[in-house]
PDB file of all heavy atoms in Angstrom:
ATOM      1  N   ASN A   1       0.844  -1.174   0.000  1.00  0.00           N
ATOM      2  CA  ASN A   1       0.000   0.000   0.000  1.00  0.00           C
ATOM      3  C   ASN A   1       0.890   1.240   0.000  1.00  0.00           C
ATOM      4  O   ASN A   1       1.697   1.423   0.906  1.00  0.00           O
ATOM      5  CB  ASN A   1      -0.894  -0.036   1.239  1.00  0.00           C
ATOM      6  CG  ASN A   1      -1.926   1.060   1.249  1.00  0.00           C
ATOM      7  OD1 ASN A   1      -1.942   1.900   0.369  1.00  0.00           O
ATOM      8  ND2 ASN A   1      -2.783   1.033   2.248  1.00  0.00           N
ATOM      9  N   PRO A   2       0.756   2.120  -0.991  1.00  0.00           N
ATOM     10  CA  PRO A   2       1.635   3.298  -1.053  1.00  0.00           C
ATOM     11  C   PRO A   2       1.508   4.205   0.174  1.00  0.00           C
ATOM     12  O   PRO A   2       2.501   4.771   0.631  1.00  0.00           O
ATOM     13  CB  PRO A   2       1.174   4.033  -2.307  1.00  0.00           C
ATOM     14  CG  PRO A   2       0.457   3.027  -3.118  1.00  0.00           C
ATOM     15  CD  PRO A   2      -0.112   2.040  -2.163  1.00  0.00           C
ATOM     16  N   THR A   3       0.314   4.325   0.717  1.00  0.00           N
ATOM     17  CA  THR A   3       0.138   5.169   1.893  1.00  0.00           C
ATOM     18  C   THR A   3       0.869   4.573   3.088  1.00  0.00           C
ATOM     19  O   THR A   3       1.537   5.287   3.842  1.00  0.00           O
ATOM     20  CB  THR A   3      -1.361   5.327   2.217  1.00  0.00           C
ATOM     21  OG1 THR A   3      -2.037   5.794   1.055  1.00  0.00           O
ATOM     22  CG2 THR A   3      -1.576   6.274   3.359  1.00  0.00           C
ATOM     23  N   ALA A   4       0.767   3.269   3.266  1.00  0.00           N
ATOM     24  CA  ALA A   4       1.455   2.609   4.374  1.00  0.00           C
ATOM     25  C   ALA A   4       2.964   2.727   4.219  1.00  0.00           C
ATOM     26  O   ALA A   4       3.686   2.942   5.205  1.00  0.00           O
ATOM     27  CB  ALA A   4       1.039   1.147   4.448  1.00  0.00           C
ATOM     28  N   LEU A   5       3.458   2.602   2.995  1.00  0.00           N
ATOM     29  CA  LEU A   5       4.895   2.746   2.760  1.00  0.00           C
ATOM     30  C   LEU A   5       5.359   4.165   3.059  1.00  0.00           C
ATOM     31  O   LEU A   5       6.431   4.370   3.635  1.00  0.00           O
ATOM     32  CB  LEU A   5       5.230   2.381   1.313  1.00  0.00           C
ATOM     33  CG  LEU A   5       5.082   0.904   0.949  1.00  0.00           C
ATOM     34  CD1 LEU A   5       5.284   0.714  -0.545  1.00  0.00           C
ATOM     35  CD2 LEU A   5       6.044   0.062   1.732  1.00  0.00           C
ATOM     36  N   LEU A   6       4.540   5.157   2.703  1.00  0.00           N
ATOM     37  CA  LEU A   6       4.888   6.543   2.974  1.00  0.00           C
ATOM     38  C   LEU A   6       4.925   6.812   4.479  1.00  0.00           C
ATOM     39  O   LEU A   6       5.854   7.441   4.985  1.00  0.00           O
ATOM     40  CB  LEU A   6       3.884   7.477   2.297  1.00  0.00           C
ATOM     41  CG  LEU A   6       4.125   8.970   2.483  1.00  0.00           C
ATOM     42  CD1 LEU A   6       5.449   9.381   1.846  1.00  0.00           C
ATOM     43  CD2 LEU A   6       2.984   9.765   1.906  1.00  0.00           C
ATOM     44  N   VAL A   7       3.934   6.307   5.201  1.00  0.00           N
ATOM     45  CA  VAL A   7       3.896   6.482   6.653  1.00  0.00           C
ATOM     46  C   VAL A   7       5.091   5.807   7.302  1.00  0.00           C
ATOM     47  O   VAL A   7       5.733   6.370   8.193  1.00  0.00           O
ATOM     48  CB  VAL A   7       2.562   5.945   7.222  1.00  0.00           C
ATOM     49  CG1 VAL A   7       2.612   5.865   8.738  1.00  0.00           C
ATOM     50  CG2 VAL A   7       1.404   6.801   6.761  1.00  0.00           C
ATOM     51  N   GLU A   8       5.420   4.604   6.841  1.00  0.00           N
ATOM     52  CA  GLU A   8       6.566   3.885   7.402  1.00  0.00           C
ATOM     53  C   GLU A   8       7.868   4.629   7.116  1.00  0.00           C
ATOM     54  O   GLU A   8       8.723   4.770   7.993  1.00  0.00           O
ATOM     55  CB  GLU A   8       6.633   2.481   6.813  1.00  0.00           C
ATOM     56  CG  GLU A   8       7.724   1.641   7.412  1.00  0.00           C
ATOM     57  CD  GLU A   8       7.799   0.247   6.808  1.00  0.00           C
ATOM     58  OE1 GLU A   8       7.012  -0.059   5.905  1.00  0.00           O
ATOM     59  OE2 GLU A   8       8.670  -0.516   7.245  1.00  0.00           O
ATOM     60  N   ARG A   9       7.992   5.150   5.915  1.00  0.00           N
ATOM     61  CA  ARG A   9       9.212   5.885   5.556  1.00  0.00           C
ATOM     62  C   ARG A   9       9.342   7.154   6.393  1.00  0.00           C
ATOM     63  O   ARG A   9      10.432   7.471   6.878  1.00  0.00           O
ATOM     64  CB  ARG A   9       9.195   6.236   4.077  1.00  0.00           C
ATOM     65  CG  ARG A   9      10.457   6.929   3.636  1.00  0.00           C
ATOM     66  CD  ARG A   9      10.561   6.993   2.155  1.00  0.00           C
ATOM     67  NE  ARG A   9      10.794   5.645   1.647  1.00  0.00           N
ATOM     68  CZ  ARG A   9      10.674   5.312   0.376  1.00  0.00           C
ATOM     69  NH1 ARG A   9      10.351   6.214  -0.517  1.00  0.00           N
ATOM     70  NH2 ARG A   9      10.904   4.078  -0.020  1.00  0.00           N
ATOM     71  N   ILE A  10       8.241   7.875   6.608  1.00  0.00           N
ATOM     72  CA  ILE A  10       8.265   9.077   7.438  1.00  0.00           C
ATOM     73  C   ILE A  10       8.636   8.724   8.874  1.00  0.00           C
ATOM     74  O   ILE A  10       9.408   9.427   9.526  1.00  0.00           O
ATOM     75  CB  ILE A  10       6.906   9.813   7.366  1.00  0.00           C
ATOM     76  CG1 ILE A  10       6.735  10.422   5.974  1.00  0.00           C
ATOM     77  CG2 ILE A  10       6.800  10.881   8.442  1.00  0.00           C
ATOM     78  CD1 ILE A  10       5.362  10.984   5.715  1.00  0.00           C
ATOM     79  N   PHE A  11       8.093   7.618   9.375  1.00  0.00           N
ATOM     80  CA  PHE A  11       8.421   7.173  10.739  1.00  0.00           C
ATOM     81  C   PHE A  11       9.914   6.910  10.880  1.00  0.00           C
ATOM     82  O   PHE A  11      10.556   7.394  11.809  1.00  0.00           O
ATOM     83  CB  PHE A  11       7.632   5.908  11.090  1.00  0.00           C
ATOM     84  CG  PHE A  11       8.112   5.240  12.337  1.00  0.00           C
ATOM     85  CD1 PHE A  11       7.772   5.741  13.583  1.00  0.00           C
ATOM     86  CD2 PHE A  11       8.933   4.118  12.283  1.00  0.00           C
ATOM     87  CE1 PHE A  11       8.222   5.136  14.746  1.00  0.00           C
ATOM     88  CE2 PHE A  11       9.386   3.506  13.434  1.00  0.00           C
ATOM     89  CZ  PHE A  11       9.026   4.014  14.675  1.00  0.00           C
ATOM     90  N   TRP A  12      10.492   6.146   9.968  1.00  0.00           N
ATOM     91  CA  TRP A  12      11.907   5.797  10.069  1.00  0.00           C
ATOM     92  C   TRP A  12      12.800   7.012   9.871  1.00  0.00           C
ATOM     93  O   TRP A  12      13.844   7.146  10.524  1.00  0.00           O
ATOM     94  CB  TRP A  12      12.275   4.692   9.089  1.00  0.00           C
ATOM     95  CG  TRP A  12      11.721   3.363   9.504  1.00  0.00           C
ATOM     96  CD1 TRP A  12      10.780   2.628   8.865  1.00  0.00           C
ATOM     97  CD2 TRP A  12      12.068   2.619  10.686  1.00  0.00           C
ATOM     98  NE1 TRP A  12      10.517   1.478   9.574  1.00  0.00           N
ATOM     99  CE2 TRP A  12      11.293   1.446  10.686  1.00  0.00           C
ATOM    100  CE3 TRP A  12      12.948   2.830  11.733  1.00  0.00           C
ATOM    101  CZ2 TRP A  12      11.381   0.499  11.696  1.00  0.00           C
ATOM    102  CZ3 TRP A  12      13.044   1.886  12.744  1.00  0.00           C
ATOM    103  CH2 TRP A  12      12.252   0.734  12.712  1.00  0.00           C
ATOM    104  N   LEU A  13      12.417   7.925   8.983  1.00  0.00           N
ATOM    105  CA  LEU A  13      13.194   9.150   8.811  1.00  0.00           C
ATOM    106  C   LEU A  13      13.129  10.012  10.070  1.00  0.00           C
ATOM    107  O   LEU A  13      14.138  10.602  10.486  1.00  0.00           O
ATOM    108  CB  LEU A  13      12.688   9.935   7.598  1.00  0.00           C
ATOM    109  CG  LEU A  13      13.060   9.352   6.231  1.00  0.00           C
ATOM    110  CD1 LEU A  13      12.350  10.134   5.124  1.00  0.00           C
ATOM    111  CD2 LEU A  13      14.552   9.371   6.018  1.00  0.00           C
ATOM    112  N   GLY A  14      11.953  10.092  10.679  1.00  0.00           N
ATOM    113  CA  GLY A  14      11.823  10.853  11.922  1.00  0.00           C
ATOM    114  C   GLY A  14      12.642  10.248  13.038  1.00  0.00           C
ATOM    115  O   GLY A  14      13.299  10.958  13.801  1.00  0.00           O
ATOM    116  N   LEU A  15      12.617   8.932  13.154  1.00  0.00           N
ATOM    117  CA  LEU A  15      13.399   8.252  14.185  1.00  0.00           C
ATOM    118  C   LEU A  15      14.894   8.457  13.953  1.00  0.00           C
ATOM    119  O   LEU A  15      15.649   8.732  14.893  1.00  0.00           O
ATOM    120  CB  LEU A  15      13.063   6.759  14.194  1.00  0.00           C
ATOM    121  CG  LEU A  15      13.721   5.913  15.276  1.00  0.00           C
ATOM    122  CD1 LEU A  15      13.255   6.376  16.645  1.00  0.00           C
ATOM    123  CD2 LEU A  15      13.400   4.451  15.070  1.00  0.00           C
ATOM    124  N   GLY A  16      15.318   8.374  12.713  1.00  0.00           N
ATOM    125  CA  GLY A  16      16.725   8.609  12.392  1.00  0.00           C
ATOM    126  C   GLY A  16      17.144  10.039  12.690  1.00  0.00           C
ATOM    127  O   GLY A  16      18.232  10.282  13.209  1.00  0.00           O
ATOM    128  N   ALA A  17      16.264  10.999  12.373  1.00  0.00           N
ATOM    129  CA  ALA A  17      16.570  12.400  12.657  1.00  0.00           C
ATOM    130  C   ALA A  17      16.673  12.632  14.162  1.00  0.00           C
ATOM    131  O   ALA A  17      17.562  13.335  14.635  1.00  0.00           O
ATOM    132  CB  ALA A  17      15.495  13.297  12.056  1.00  0.00           C
ATOM    133  N   PHE A  18      15.757  12.031  14.918  1.00  0.00           N
ATOM    134  CA  PHE A  18      15.796  12.183  16.371  1.00  0.00           C
ATOM    135  C   PHE A  18      17.095  11.621  16.941  1.00  0.00           C
ATOM    136  O   PHE A  18      17.761  12.271  17.751  1.00  0.00           O
ATOM    137  CB  PHE A  18      14.601  11.474  16.997  1.00  0.00           C
ATOM    138  CG  PHE A  18      14.668  11.409  18.494  1.00  0.00           C
ATOM    139  CD1 PHE A  18      14.395  12.525  19.261  1.00  0.00           C
ATOM    140  CD2 PHE A  18      15.021  10.231  19.135  1.00  0.00           C
ATOM    141  CE1 PHE A  18      14.464  12.475  20.645  1.00  0.00           C
ATOM    142  CE2 PHE A  18      15.088  10.155  20.511  1.00  0.00           C
ATOM    143  CZ  PHE A  18      14.809  11.291  21.262  1.00  0.00           C
ATOM    144  N   LEU A  19      17.462  10.427  16.547  1.00  0.00           N
ATOM    145  CA  LEU A  19      18.691   9.812  17.059  1.00  0.00           C
ATOM    146  C   LEU A  19      19.927  10.590  16.606  1.00  0.00           C
ATOM    147  O   LEU A  19      20.874  10.762  17.373  1.00  0.00           O
ATOM    148  CB  LEU A  19      18.771   8.354  16.621  1.00  0.00           C
ATOM    149  CG  LEU A  19      17.722   7.423  17.243  1.00  0.00           C
ATOM    150  CD1 LEU A  19      17.824   6.029  16.650  1.00  0.00           C
ATOM    151  CD2 LEU A  19      17.865   7.376  18.742  1.00  0.00           C
ATOM    152  N   GLY A  20      19.922  11.065  15.365  1.00  0.00           N
ATOM    153  CA  GLY A  20      21.049  11.853  14.876  1.00  0.00           C
ATOM    154  C   GLY A  20      21.210  13.148  15.663  1.00  0.00           C
ATOM    155  O   GLY A  20      22.318  13.516  16.047  1.00  0.00           O
ATOM    156  N   LEU A  21      20.098  13.839  15.917  1.00  0.00           N
ATOM    157  CA  LEU A  21      20.159  15.068  16.705  1.00  0.00           C
ATOM    158  C   LEU A  21      20.594  14.786  18.140  1.00  0.00           C
ATOM    159  O   LEU A  21      21.321  15.584  18.740  1.00  0.00           O
ATOM    160  CB  LEU A  21      18.805  15.774  16.694  1.00  0.00           C
ATOM    161  CG  LEU A  21      18.452  16.488  15.393  1.00  0.00           C
ATOM    162  CD1 LEU A  21      17.025  17.017  15.441  1.00  0.00           C
ATOM    163  CD2 LEU A  21      19.427  17.612  15.129  1.00  0.00           C
ATOM    164  N   ALA A  22      20.152  13.657  18.694  1.00  0.00           N
ATOM    165  CA  ALA A  22      20.556  13.311  20.056  1.00  0.00           C
ATOM    166  C   ALA A  22      22.067  13.081  20.129  1.00  0.00           C
ATOM    167  O   ALA A  22      22.729  13.532  21.070  1.00  0.00           O
ATOM    168  CB  ALA A  22      19.804  12.069  20.533  1.00  0.00           C
ATOM    169  N   ILE A  23      22.620  12.421  19.138  1.00  0.00           N
ATOM    170  CA  ILE A  23      24.061  12.159  19.118  1.00  0.00           C
ATOM    171  C   ILE A  23      24.835  13.463  18.938  1.00  0.00           C
ATOM    172  O   ILE A  23      25.828  13.718  19.627  1.00  0.00           O
ATOM    173  CB  ILE A  23      24.406  11.137  18.013  1.00  0.00           C
ATOM    174  CG1 ILE A  23      23.863   9.765  18.402  1.00  0.00           C
ATOM    175  CG2 ILE A  23      25.913  11.082  17.765  1.00  0.00           C
ATOM    176  CD1 ILE A  23      23.951   8.740  17.302  1.00  0.00           C
ATOM    177  N   ILE A  24      24.384  14.312  18.016  1.00  0.00           N
ATOM    178  CA  ILE A  24      25.070  15.582  17.775  1.00  0.00           C
ATOM    179  C   ILE A  24      25.013  16.462  19.017  1.00  0.00           C
ATOM    180  O   ILE A  24      26.010  17.076  19.411  1.00  0.00           O
ATOM    181  CB  ILE A  24      24.460  16.292  16.552  1.00  0.00           C
ATOM    182  CG1 ILE A  24      24.834  15.526  15.280  1.00  0.00           C
ATOM    183  CG2 ILE A  24      24.930  17.735  16.448  1.00  0.00           C
ATOM    184  CD1 ILE A  24      24.107  15.985  14.036  1.00  0.00           C
ATOM    185  N   THR A  25      23.834  16.525  19.658  1.00  0.00           N
ATOM    186  CA  THR A  25      23.699  17.324  20.873  1.00  0.00           C
ATOM    187  C   THR A  25      24.614  16.811  21.973  1.00  0.00           C
ATOM    188  O   THR A  25      25.245  17.593  22.690  1.00  0.00           O
ATOM    189  CB  THR A  25      22.233  17.300  21.361  1.00  0.00           C
ATOM    190  OG1 THR A  25      21.394  17.752  20.299  1.00  0.00           O
ATOM    191  CG2 THR A  25      22.028  18.175  22.573  1.00  0.00           C
ATOM    192  N   SER A  26      24.690  15.496  22.099  1.00  0.00           N
ATOM    193  CA  SER A  26      25.553  14.903  23.116  1.00  0.00           C
ATOM    194  C   SER A  26      27.026  15.234  22.846  1.00  0.00           C
ATOM    195  O   SER A  26      27.769  15.570  23.771  1.00  0.00           O
ATOM    196  CB  SER A  26      25.356  13.391  23.145  1.00  0.00           C
ATOM    197  OG  SER A  26      26.280  12.779  23.993  1.00  0.00           O
ATOM    198  N   LEU A  27      27.431  15.147  21.613  1.00  0.00           N
ATOM    199  CA  LEU A  27      28.822  15.464  21.278  1.00  0.00           C
ATOM    200  C   LEU A  27      29.128  16.933  21.537  1.00  0.00           C
ATOM    201  O   LEU A  27      30.185  17.267  22.093  1.00  0.00           O
ATOM    202  CB  LEU A  27      29.095  15.124  19.810  1.00  0.00           C
ATOM    203  CG  LEU A  27      29.149  13.642  19.468  1.00  0.00           C
ATOM    204  CD1 LEU A  27      29.261  13.445  17.961  1.00  0.00           C
ATOM    205  CD2 LEU A  27      30.303  12.968  20.183  1.00  0.00           C
ATOM    206  N   LEU A  28      28.219  17.820  21.146  1.00  0.00           N
ATOM    207  CA  LEU A  28      28.439  19.247  21.382  1.00  0.00           C
ATOM    208  C   LEU A  28      28.473  19.563  22.871  1.00  0.00           C
ATOM    209  O   LEU A  28      29.290  20.370  23.327  1.00  0.00           O
ATOM    210  CB  LEU A  28      27.354  20.065  20.688  1.00  0.00           C
ATOM    211  CG  LEU A  28      27.403  20.079  19.158  1.00  0.00           C
ATOM    212  CD1 LEU A  28      26.214  20.839  18.594  1.00  0.00           C
ATOM    213  CD2 LEU A  28      28.702  20.673  18.667  1.00  0.00           C
ATOM    214  N   ARG A  29      27.598  18.937  23.648  1.00  0.00           N
ATOM    215  CA  ARG A  29      27.595  19.172  25.094  1.00  0.00           C
ATOM    216  C   ARG A  29      28.896  18.655  25.708  1.00  0.00           C
ATOM    217  O   ARG A  29      29.467  19.286  26.599  1.00  0.00           O
ATOM    218  CB  ARG A  29      26.394  18.481  25.733  1.00  0.00           C
ATOM    219  CG  ARG A  29      26.259  18.784  27.218  1.00  0.00           C
ATOM    220  CD  ARG A  29      25.011  18.165  27.789  1.00  0.00           C
ATOM    221  NE  ARG A  29      23.843  18.767  27.171  1.00  0.00           N
ATOM    222  CZ  ARG A  29      22.655  18.183  27.103  1.00  0.00           C
ATOM    223  NH1 ARG A  29      22.480  16.987  27.591  1.00  0.00           N
ATOM    224  NH2 ARG A  29      21.644  18.805  26.539  1.00  0.00           N
ATOM    225  N   GLY A  30      29.372  17.517  25.241  1.00  0.00           N
ATOM    226  CA  GLY A  30      30.632  16.979  25.748  1.00  0.00           C
ATOM    227  C   GLY A  30      31.803  17.883  25.437  1.00  0.00           C
ATOM    228  O   GLY A  30      32.684  18.090  26.272  1.00  0.00           O
ATOM    229  N   LEU A  31      31.832  18.449  24.229  1.00  0.00           N
ATOM    230  CA  LEU A  31      32.904  19.367  23.882  1.00  0.00           C
ATOM    231  C   LEU A  31      32.815  20.645  24.700  1.00  0.00           C
ATOM    232  O   LEU A  31      33.833  21.186  25.140  1.00  0.00           O
ATOM    233  CB  LEU A  31      32.838  19.704  22.391  1.00  0.00           C
ATOM    234  CG  LEU A  31      33.206  18.576  21.433  1.00  0.00           C
ATOM    235  CD1 LEU A  31      32.949  19.000  19.986  1.00  0.00           C
ATOM    236  CD2 LEU A  31      34.652  18.174  21.610  1.00  0.00           C
ATOM    237  N   LYS A  32      31.603  21.125  24.927  1.00  0.00           N
ATOM    238  CA  LYS A  32      31.416  22.349  25.697  1.00  0.00           C
ATOM    239  C   LYS A  32      31.831  22.151  27.152  1.00  0.00           C
ATOM    240  O   LYS A  32      32.495  22.997  27.742  1.00  0.00           O
ATOM    241  CB  LYS A  32      29.953  22.772  25.633  1.00  0.00           C
ATOM    242  CG  LYS A  32      29.639  24.048  26.352  1.00  0.00           C
ATOM    243  CD  LYS A  32      28.162  24.391  26.221  1.00  0.00           C
ATOM    244  CE  LYS A  32      27.807  25.602  27.025  1.00  0.00           C
ATOM    245  NZ  LYS A  32      26.370  25.896  26.956  1.00  0.00           N
ATOM    246  N   GLU A  33      31.452  21.029  27.747  1.00  0.00           N
ATOM    247  CA  GLU A  33      31.807  20.758  29.138  1.00  0.00           C
ATOM    248  C   GLU A  33      33.285  20.409  29.283  1.00  0.00           C
ATOM    249  O   GLU A  33      33.858  20.575  30.348  1.00  0.00           O
ATOM    250  CB  GLU A  33      30.929  19.647  29.704  1.00  0.00           C
ATOM    251  CG  GLU A  33      29.495  20.070  29.920  1.00  0.00           C
ATOM    252  CD  GLU A  33      28.625  18.968  30.459  1.00  0.00           C
ATOM    253  OE1 GLU A  33      29.147  17.852  30.687  1.00  0.00           O
ATOM    254  OE2 GLU A  33      27.428  19.215  30.643  1.00  0.00           O
ATOM    255  N   GLY A  34      33.888  19.911  28.233  1.00  0.00           N
ATOM    256  CA  GLY A  34      35.312  19.602  28.283  1.00  0.00           C
ATOM    257  C   GLY A  34      36.161  20.846  28.407  1.00  0.00           C
ATOM    258  O   GLY A  34      37.249  20.818  28.971  1.00  0.00           O
ATOM    259  N   LYS A  35      35.653  21.967  27.878  1.00  0.00           N
ATOM    260  CA  LYS A  35      36.390  23.222  27.979  1.00  0.00           C
ATOM    261  C   LYS A  35      36.325  23.792  29.387  1.00  0.00           C
ATOM    262  O   LYS A  35      37.222  24.494  29.821  1.00  0.00           O
ATOM    263  CB  LYS A  35      35.827  24.239  26.984  1.00  0.00           C
ATOM    264  CG  LYS A  35      36.089  23.875  25.551  1.00  0.00           C
ATOM    265  CD  LYS A  35      35.475  24.886  24.609  1.00  0.00           C
ATOM    266  CE  LYS A  35      35.690  24.478  23.160  1.00  0.00           C
ATOM    267  NZ  LYS A  35      35.023  25.400  22.243  1.00  0.00           N
ATOM    268  N   ASN A  36      35.247  23.541  30.099  1.00  0.00           N
ATOM    269  CA  ASN A  36      35.062  24.057  31.454  1.00  0.00           C
ATOM    270  C   ASN A  36      35.625  23.059  32.466  1.00  0.00           C
ATOM    271  O   ASN A  36      34.882  22.341  33.119  1.00  0.00           O
ATOM    272  CB  ASN A  36      33.577  24.310  31.737  1.00  0.00           C
ATOM    273  CG  ASN A  36      32.967  25.298  30.783  1.00  0.00           C
ATOM    274  OD1 ASN A  36      33.665  26.138  30.249  1.00  0.00           O
ATOM    275  ND2 ASN A  36      31.678  25.211  30.570  1.00  0.00           N
ATOM    276  N   LYS A  37      36.927  23.053  32.591  1.00  0.00           N
ATOM    277  CA  LYS A  37      37.547  22.111  33.529  1.00  0.00           C
ATOM    278  C   LYS A  37      37.450  22.676  34.944  1.00  0.00           C
ATOM    279  O   LYS A  37      37.727  23.846  35.177  1.00  0.00           O
ATOM    280  CB  LYS A  37      38.999  21.865  33.153  1.00  0.00           C
ATOM    281  CG  LYS A  37      39.135  21.154  31.826  1.00  0.00           C
ATOM    282  CD  LYS A  37      40.573  20.840  31.506  1.00  0.00           C
ATOM    283  CE  LYS A  37      40.646  20.094  30.186  1.00  0.00           C
ATOM    284  NZ  LYS A  37      42.003  19.776  29.810  1.00  0.00           N
ATOM    285  N   THR A  38      37.056  21.831  35.859  1.00  0.00           N
ATOM    286  CA  THR A  38      36.938  22.259  37.250  1.00  0.00           C
ATOM    287  C   THR A  38      38.053  21.616  38.060  1.00  0.00           C
ATOM    288  O   THR A  38      38.574  20.552  37.726  1.00  0.00           O
ATOM    289  CB  THR A  38      35.580  21.839  37.836  1.00  0.00           C
ATOM    290  OG1 THR A  38      35.457  20.416  37.739  1.00  0.00           O
ATOM    291  CG2 THR A  38      34.437  22.496  37.076  1.00  0.00           C
ATOM    292  N   THR A  39      38.399  22.273  39.143  1.00  0.00           N
ATOM    293  CA  THR A  39      39.428  21.730  40.013  1.00  0.00           C
ATOM    294  C   THR A  39      38.749  20.981  41.158  1.00  0.00           C
ATOM    295  O   THR A  39      37.732  21.445  41.685  1.00  0.00           O
ATOM    296  CB  THR A  39      40.302  22.852  40.596  1.00  0.00           C
ATOM    297  OG1 THR A  39      39.464  23.771  41.288  1.00  0.00           O
ATOM    298  CG2 THR A  39      41.041  23.582  39.489  1.00  0.00           C
ATOM    299  N   PRO A  40      39.278  19.845  41.532  1.00  0.00           N
ATOM    300  CA  PRO A  40      38.670  19.099  42.635  1.00  0.00           C
ATOM    301  C   PRO A  40      38.871  19.818  43.962  1.00  0.00           C
ATOM    302  O   PRO A  40      39.859  20.516  44.171  1.00  0.00           O
ATOM    303  CB  PRO A  40      39.403  17.761  42.615  1.00  0.00           C
ATOM    304  CG  PRO A  40      40.674  18.013  41.874  1.00  0.00           C
ATOM    305  CD  PRO A  40      40.411  19.156  40.931  1.00  0.00           C
ATOM    306  N   ILE A  41      37.899  19.641  44.861  1.00  0.00           N
ATOM    307  CA  ILE A  41      37.954  20.272  46.185  1.00  0.00           C
ATOM    308  C   ILE A  41      38.259  19.181  47.212  1.00  0.00           C
ATOM    309  O   ILE A  41      37.683  18.105  47.176  1.00  0.00           O
ATOM    310  CB  ILE A  41      36.617  20.962  46.514  1.00  0.00           C
ATOM    311  CG1 ILE A  41      36.332  22.048  45.490  1.00  0.00           C
ATOM    312  CG2 ILE A  41      36.632  21.545  47.898  1.00  0.00           C
ATOM    313  CD1 ILE A  41      34.993  22.711  45.659  1.00  0.00           C
ATOM    314  N   SER A  42      39.141  19.497  48.124  1.00  0.00           N
ATOM    315  CA  SER A  42      39.512  18.527  49.145  1.00  0.00           C
ATOM    316  C   SER A  42      38.370  18.399  50.156  1.00  0.00           C
ATOM    317  O   SER A  42      37.552  19.305  50.315  1.00  0.00           O
ATOM    318  CB  SER A  42      40.792  18.958  49.857  1.00  0.00           C
ATOM    319  OG  SER A  42      40.532  20.105  50.643  1.00  0.00           O
ATOM    320  N   PRO A  43      38.312  17.277  50.859  1.00  0.00           N
ATOM    321  CA  PRO A  43      37.262  17.087  51.875  1.00  0.00           C
ATOM    322  C   PRO A  43      37.295  18.147  52.972  1.00  0.00           C
ATOM    323  O   PRO A  43      36.250  18.555  53.474  1.00  0.00           O
ATOM    324  CB  PRO A  43      37.558  15.699  52.435  1.00  0.00           C
ATOM    325  CG  PRO A  43      38.312  14.999  51.367  1.00  0.00           C
ATOM    326  CD  PRO A  43      39.088  16.064  50.650  1.00  0.00           C
ATOM    327  N   ASP A  44      38.487  18.613  53.324  1.00  0.00           N
ATOM    328  CA  ASP A  44      38.595  19.655  54.355  1.00  0.00           C
ATOM    329  C   ASP A  44      37.940  20.957  53.886  1.00  0.00           C
ATOM    330  O   ASP A  44      37.240  21.625  54.646  1.00  0.00           O
ATOM    331  CB  ASP A  44      40.059  19.908  54.714  1.00  0.00           C
ATOM    332  CG  ASP A  44      40.702  18.704  55.386  1.00  0.00           C
ATOM    333  OD1 ASP A  44      39.964  17.931  56.034  1.00  0.00           O
ATOM    334  OD2 ASP A  44      41.932  18.551  55.252  1.00  0.00           O
ATOM    335  N   GLN A  45      38.162  21.296  52.637  1.00  0.00           N
ATOM    336  CA  GLN A  45      37.555  22.505  52.098  1.00  0.00           C
ATOM    337  C   GLN A  45      36.034  22.365  52.049  1.00  0.00           C
ATOM    338  O   GLN A  45      35.315  23.328  52.315  1.00  0.00           O
ATOM    339  CB  GLN A  45      38.097  22.802  50.700  1.00  0.00           C
ATOM    340  CG  GLN A  45      39.554  23.242  50.690  1.00  0.00           C
ATOM    341  CD  GLN A  45      40.090  23.388  49.275  1.00  0.00           C
ATOM    342  OE1 GLN A  45      39.646  22.701  48.364  1.00  0.00           O
ATOM    343  NE2 GLN A  45      41.065  24.280  49.110  1.00  0.00           N
ATOM    344  N   LEU A  46      35.547  21.183  51.725  1.00  0.00           N
ATOM    345  CA  LEU A  46      34.108  20.953  51.707  1.00  0.00           C
ATOM    346  C   LEU A  46      33.513  21.081  53.110  1.00  0.00           C
ATOM    347  O   LEU A  46      32.431  21.655  53.281  1.00  0.00           O
ATOM    348  CB  LEU A  46      33.786  19.569  51.128  1.00  0.00           C
ATOM    349  CG  LEU A  46      33.939  19.412  49.617  1.00  0.00           C
ATOM    350  CD1 LEU A  46      33.697  17.970  49.207  1.00  0.00           C
ATOM    351  CD2 LEU A  46      32.982  20.324  48.890  1.00  0.00           C
ATOM    352  N   GLU A  47      34.212  20.557  54.098  1.00  0.00           N
ATOM    353  CA  GLU A  47      33.728  20.670  55.477  1.00  0.00           C
ATOM    354  C   GLU A  47      33.682  22.124  55.920  1.00  0.00           C
ATOM    355  O   GLU A  47      32.712  22.563  56.554  1.00  0.00           O
ATOM    356  CB  GLU A  47      34.616  19.855  56.418  1.00  0.00           C
ATOM    357  CG  GLU A  47      34.396  18.361  56.321  1.00  0.00           C
ATOM    358  CD  GLU A  47      35.273  17.591  57.287  1.00  0.00           C
ATOM    359  OE1 GLU A  47      35.746  18.191  58.273  1.00  0.00           O
ATOM    360  OE2 GLU A  47      35.481  16.390  57.036  1.00  0.00           O
ATOM    361  N   ASN A  48      34.720  22.891  55.587  1.00  0.00           N
ATOM    362  CA  ASN A  48      34.739  24.311  55.938  1.00  0.00           C
ATOM    363  C   ASN A  48      33.600  25.068  55.254  1.00  0.00           C
ATOM    364  O   ASN A  48      32.954  25.921  55.868  1.00  0.00           O
ATOM    365  CB  ASN A  48      36.084  24.943  55.566  1.00  0.00           C
ATOM    366  CG  ASN A  48      37.219  24.438  56.434  1.00  0.00           C
ATOM    367  OD1 ASN A  48      36.988  23.983  57.552  1.00  0.00           O
ATOM    368  ND2 ASN A  48      38.431  24.518  55.910  1.00  0.00           N
TER     369      ASN A  48
END
């Protein structure tokens, strides 16, 4: 059925776009957070 094939194709393209955007967003967030390096705090400083 051409309509069913069209719906299925739209579904798979949408799913692929969602997963692709999720991967790209994750990579960009990782690169952004990698630039913001934090220094560890000692337990004594945390207690103070």
